[in-house]
């Protein structure tokens, strides 16, 4: 596991919310929700886990996929081929 990052969703005001973050603070990842998907308390936070392999994603999803009432996002960047 490379990194765990909080991921925040906003209801069309992501940019405005970013203005309140201090430049020296650890900034979470953030975006606006998809159009038509309302933001409600509890569905506006996910935990993004940057993984080192697809096998790690499979293991973490099997262990955590629907646990703890958390929305999990598992990410893996395939190595670039020359």
N, C-alpha and C. Protein backbone atom coordinates (compact mmCIF):
# COMPACT_ATOMS: atom_id res chain seq x y z
N UNK A 1 0.86 -1.17 0.00
CA UNK A 1 0.00 0.00 0.00
C UNK A 1 0.91 1.23 0.00
N UNK A 2 0.68 2.09 -0.98
CA UNK A 2 1.52 3.28 -1.10
C UNK A 2 1.03 4.43 -0.24
N UNK A 3 -0.28 4.65 -0.23
CA UNK A 3 -0.80 5.84 0.42
C UNK A 3 -2.31 5.70 0.64
N UNK A 4 -2.80 6.31 1.71
CA UNK A 4 -4.24 6.39 1.99
C UNK A 4 -4.59 7.88 2.02
N UNK A 5 -5.61 8.26 1.23
CA UNK A 5 -5.95 9.67 1.07
C UNK A 5 -7.46 9.83 1.24
N UNK A 6 -7.90 10.80 2.06
CA UNK A 6 -9.33 11.09 2.12
C UNK A 6 -9.77 11.73 0.81
N UNK A 7 -10.97 11.38 0.35
CA UNK A 7 -11.52 11.92 -0.90
C UNK A 7 -12.87 12.52 -0.58
N UNK A 8 -13.00 13.84 -0.77
CA UNK A 8 -14.23 14.56 -0.44
C UNK A 8 -15.02 14.89 -1.70
N UNK A 9 -16.34 14.75 -1.61
CA UNK A 9 -17.24 15.13 -2.70
C UNK A 9 -18.05 16.34 -2.25
N UNK A 10 -18.24 17.27 -3.20
CA UNK A 10 -19.00 18.48 -2.92
C UNK A 10 -20.15 18.59 -3.91
N UNK A 11 -21.11 19.44 -3.57
CA UNK A 11 -22.30 19.62 -4.39
C UNK A 11 -22.16 20.86 -5.28
N UNK A 12 -21.15 20.84 -6.16
CA UNK A 12 -20.96 21.95 -7.08
C UNK A 12 -20.13 23.10 -6.53
N UNK A 13 -19.62 22.97 -5.31
CA UNK A 13 -18.84 24.06 -4.73
C UNK A 13 -17.46 23.60 -4.26
N UNK A 14 -16.89 22.64 -4.94
CA UNK A 14 -15.57 22.11 -4.57
C UNK A 14 -14.51 23.22 -4.59
N UNK A 15 -14.51 24.03 -5.64
CA UNK A 15 -13.52 25.10 -5.75
C UNK A 15 -13.65 26.06 -4.57
N UNK A 16 -14.87 26.44 -4.22
CA UNK A 16 -15.09 27.37 -3.11
C UNK A 16 -14.58 26.77 -1.81
N UNK A 17 -14.83 25.50 -1.59
CA UNK A 17 -14.36 24.85 -0.35
C UNK A 17 -12.84 24.83 -0.29
N UNK A 18 -12.20 24.68 -1.44
CA UNK A 18 -10.74 24.66 -1.49
C UNK A 18 -10.10 25.96 -1.06
N UNK A 19 -10.84 27.07 -1.17
CA UNK A 19 -10.29 28.36 -0.77
C UNK A 19 -10.04 28.44 0.72
N UNK A 20 -10.67 27.57 1.51
CA UNK A 20 -10.50 27.61 2.95
C UNK A 20 -9.36 26.72 3.45
N UNK A 21 -8.79 25.94 2.55
CA UNK A 21 -7.69 25.07 2.96
C UNK A 21 -6.40 25.87 3.02
N UNK A 22 -5.65 25.64 4.07
CA UNK A 22 -4.38 26.36 4.21
C UNK A 22 -3.34 25.79 3.27
N UNK A 23 -2.50 26.63 2.67
CA UNK A 23 -1.50 26.15 1.72
C UNK A 23 -0.54 25.11 2.31
N UNK A 24 -0.25 25.21 3.61
CA UNK A 24 0.71 24.29 4.23
C UNK A 24 0.07 23.04 4.79
N UNK A 25 -1.25 22.92 4.69
CA UNK A 25 -1.92 21.74 5.25
C UNK A 25 -1.89 20.60 4.25
N UNK A 26 -2.16 19.42 4.74
CA UNK A 26 -2.31 18.27 3.85
C UNK A 26 -3.67 18.37 3.20
N UNK A 27 -3.69 18.51 1.91
CA UNK A 27 -4.94 18.72 1.19
C UNK A 27 -5.48 17.38 0.72
N UNK A 28 -6.73 17.06 1.10
CA UNK A 28 -7.33 15.81 0.60
C UNK A 28 -7.69 15.96 -0.87
N UNK A 29 -7.93 14.84 -1.51
CA UNK A 29 -8.44 14.89 -2.88
C UNK A 29 -9.91 15.29 -2.80
N UNK A 30 -10.39 16.01 -3.80
CA UNK A 30 -11.77 16.48 -3.76
C UNK A 30 -12.28 16.69 -5.18
N UNK A 31 -13.59 16.56 -5.32
CA UNK A 31 -14.25 16.85 -6.60
C UNK A 31 -15.72 17.13 -6.32
N UNK A 32 -16.40 17.63 -7.34
CA UNK A 32 -17.84 17.78 -7.24
C UNK A 32 -18.50 16.45 -7.58
N UNK A 33 -19.63 16.17 -6.94
CA UNK A 33 -20.39 14.96 -7.24
C UNK A 33 -20.89 15.00 -8.68
N UNK A 34 -21.22 13.86 -9.21
CA UNK A 34 -21.79 13.79 -10.56
C UNK A 34 -23.13 14.53 -10.57
N UNK A 35 -23.47 15.19 -11.67
CA UNK A 35 -24.77 15.87 -11.77
C UNK A 35 -25.91 14.88 -11.50
N UNK A 36 -26.86 15.32 -10.72
CA UNK A 36 -28.01 14.48 -10.40
C UNK A 36 -27.80 13.58 -9.20
N UNK A 37 -26.58 13.53 -8.66
CA UNK A 37 -26.30 12.73 -7.46
C UNK A 37 -26.13 13.70 -6.30
N UNK A 38 -27.14 13.81 -5.45
CA UNK A 38 -27.05 14.79 -4.36
C UNK A 38 -26.00 14.40 -3.32
N UNK A 39 -25.38 15.42 -2.76
CA UNK A 39 -24.44 15.22 -1.66
C UNK A 39 -25.23 15.24 -0.36
N UNK A 40 -25.05 14.20 0.43
CA UNK A 40 -25.72 14.11 1.72
C UNK A 40 -24.67 13.76 2.77
N UNK A 41 -24.88 14.17 4.02
CA UNK A 41 -23.93 13.76 5.05
C UNK A 41 -23.78 12.24 5.04
N UNK A 42 -22.55 11.79 4.94
CA UNK A 42 -22.29 10.36 4.92
C UNK A 42 -21.92 9.84 3.55
N UNK A 43 -22.34 10.51 2.46
CA UNK A 43 -21.94 10.02 1.14
C UNK A 43 -20.94 10.96 0.48
N UNK A 44 -20.42 11.91 1.24
CA UNK A 44 -19.49 12.87 0.66
C UNK A 44 -18.04 12.61 1.04
N UNK A 45 -17.76 11.46 1.63
CA UNK A 45 -16.39 11.11 2.00
C UNK A 45 -16.10 9.68 1.59
N UNK A 46 -14.96 9.48 0.98
CA UNK A 46 -14.49 8.14 0.65
C UNK A 46 -13.03 8.05 1.08
N UNK A 47 -12.53 6.85 1.21
CA UNK A 47 -11.12 6.63 1.52
C UNK A 47 -10.48 6.03 0.28
N UNK A 48 -9.52 6.75 -0.29
CA UNK A 48 -8.81 6.28 -1.48
C UNK A 48 -7.51 5.62 -1.04
N UNK A 49 -7.34 4.38 -1.47
CA UNK A 49 -6.12 3.62 -1.14
C UNK A 49 -5.35 3.41 -2.43
N UNK A 50 -4.15 3.99 -2.50
CA UNK A 50 -3.28 3.79 -3.65
C UNK A 50 -2.51 2.49 -3.42
N UNK A 51 -2.74 1.53 -4.29
CA UNK A 51 -2.18 0.18 -4.12
C UNK A 51 -0.99 -0.04 -5.06
N UNK A 52 -0.23 -1.09 -4.76
CA UNK A 52 0.96 -1.40 -5.55
C UNK A 52 0.72 -2.49 -6.59
N UNK A 53 -0.46 -3.16 -6.55
CA UNK A 53 -0.74 -4.21 -7.52
C UNK A 53 -2.24 -4.48 -7.57
N UNK A 54 -2.67 -5.14 -8.63
CA UNK A 54 -4.06 -5.56 -8.73
C UNK A 54 -4.38 -6.61 -7.68
N UNK A 55 -3.42 -7.45 -7.35
CA UNK A 55 -3.62 -8.46 -6.32
C UNK A 55 -3.88 -7.81 -4.96
N UNK A 56 -3.20 -6.70 -4.68
CA UNK A 56 -3.43 -5.99 -3.43
C UNK A 56 -4.85 -5.43 -3.40
N UNK A 57 -5.31 -4.90 -4.53
CA UNK A 57 -6.68 -4.39 -4.60
C UNK A 57 -7.67 -5.51 -4.33
N UNK A 58 -7.47 -6.67 -4.96
CA UNK A 58 -8.37 -7.80 -4.75
C UNK A 58 -8.44 -8.18 -3.27
N UNK A 59 -7.28 -8.24 -2.62
CA UNK A 59 -7.24 -8.61 -1.20
C UNK A 59 -7.91 -7.58 -0.32
N UNK A 60 -7.63 -6.30 -0.56
CA UNK A 60 -8.24 -5.25 0.24
C UNK A 60 -9.75 -5.17 0.01
N UNK A 61 -10.18 -5.32 -1.24
CA UNK A 61 -11.61 -5.28 -1.51
C UNK A 61 -12.32 -6.44 -0.82
N UNK A 62 -11.70 -7.62 -0.85
CA UNK A 62 -12.30 -8.78 -0.18
C UNK A 62 -12.42 -8.54 1.32
N UNK A 63 -11.43 -7.87 1.90
CA UNK A 63 -11.42 -7.65 3.35
C UNK A 63 -12.25 -6.44 3.76
N UNK A 64 -12.29 -5.40 2.93
CA UNK A 64 -12.89 -4.13 3.35
C UNK A 64 -14.06 -3.67 2.51
N UNK A 65 -14.27 -4.27 1.36
CA UNK A 65 -15.21 -3.77 0.37
C UNK A 65 -16.52 -3.23 0.88
N UNK A 66 -17.14 -3.90 1.81
CA UNK A 66 -18.44 -3.44 2.31
C UNK A 66 -18.43 -3.32 3.83
N UNK A 67 -17.27 -3.11 4.38
CA UNK A 67 -17.16 -3.05 5.83
C UNK A 67 -17.08 -1.61 6.35
N UNK A 68 -17.48 -1.44 7.57
CA UNK A 68 -17.29 -0.23 8.35
C UNK A 68 -18.11 0.97 7.86
N UNK A 69 -19.03 0.79 6.92
CA UNK A 69 -19.83 1.90 6.44
C UNK A 69 -19.02 2.95 5.70
N UNK A 70 -17.89 2.55 5.15
CA UNK A 70 -16.99 3.48 4.45
C UNK A 70 -17.03 3.20 2.96
N UNK A 71 -17.02 4.27 2.16
CA UNK A 71 -16.87 4.11 0.72
C UNK A 71 -15.38 4.03 0.43
N UNK A 72 -14.95 2.90 -0.11
CA UNK A 72 -13.54 2.67 -0.42
C UNK A 72 -13.30 2.89 -1.89
N UNK A 73 -12.16 3.49 -2.22
CA UNK A 73 -11.72 3.66 -3.61
C UNK A 73 -10.31 3.08 -3.69
N UNK A 74 -10.13 2.03 -4.47
CA UNK A 74 -8.83 1.40 -4.62
C UNK A 74 -8.24 1.79 -5.97
N UNK A 75 -7.00 2.25 -5.97
CA UNK A 75 -6.36 2.76 -7.17
C UNK A 75 -5.03 2.05 -7.40
N UNK A 76 -4.75 1.73 -8.67
CA UNK A 76 -3.47 1.16 -9.06
C UNK A 76 -3.11 1.69 -10.44
N UNK A 77 -1.93 2.24 -10.57
CA UNK A 77 -1.45 2.76 -11.85
C UNK A 77 -0.60 1.68 -12.52
N UNK A 78 -1.07 1.20 -13.67
CA UNK A 78 -0.28 0.21 -14.41
C UNK A 78 1.05 0.84 -14.83
N UNK A 79 2.13 0.10 -14.75
CA UNK A 79 3.41 0.63 -15.21
C UNK A 79 3.36 0.98 -16.70
N UNK A 80 4.00 2.06 -17.08
CA UNK A 80 4.05 2.48 -18.48
C UNK A 80 4.98 1.56 -19.26
N UNK A 81 4.56 1.16 -20.44
CA UNK A 81 5.41 0.34 -21.30
C UNK A 81 6.08 1.25 -22.31
N UNK A 82 7.35 0.96 -22.56
CA UNK A 82 8.12 1.79 -23.51
C UNK A 82 7.82 1.44 -24.94
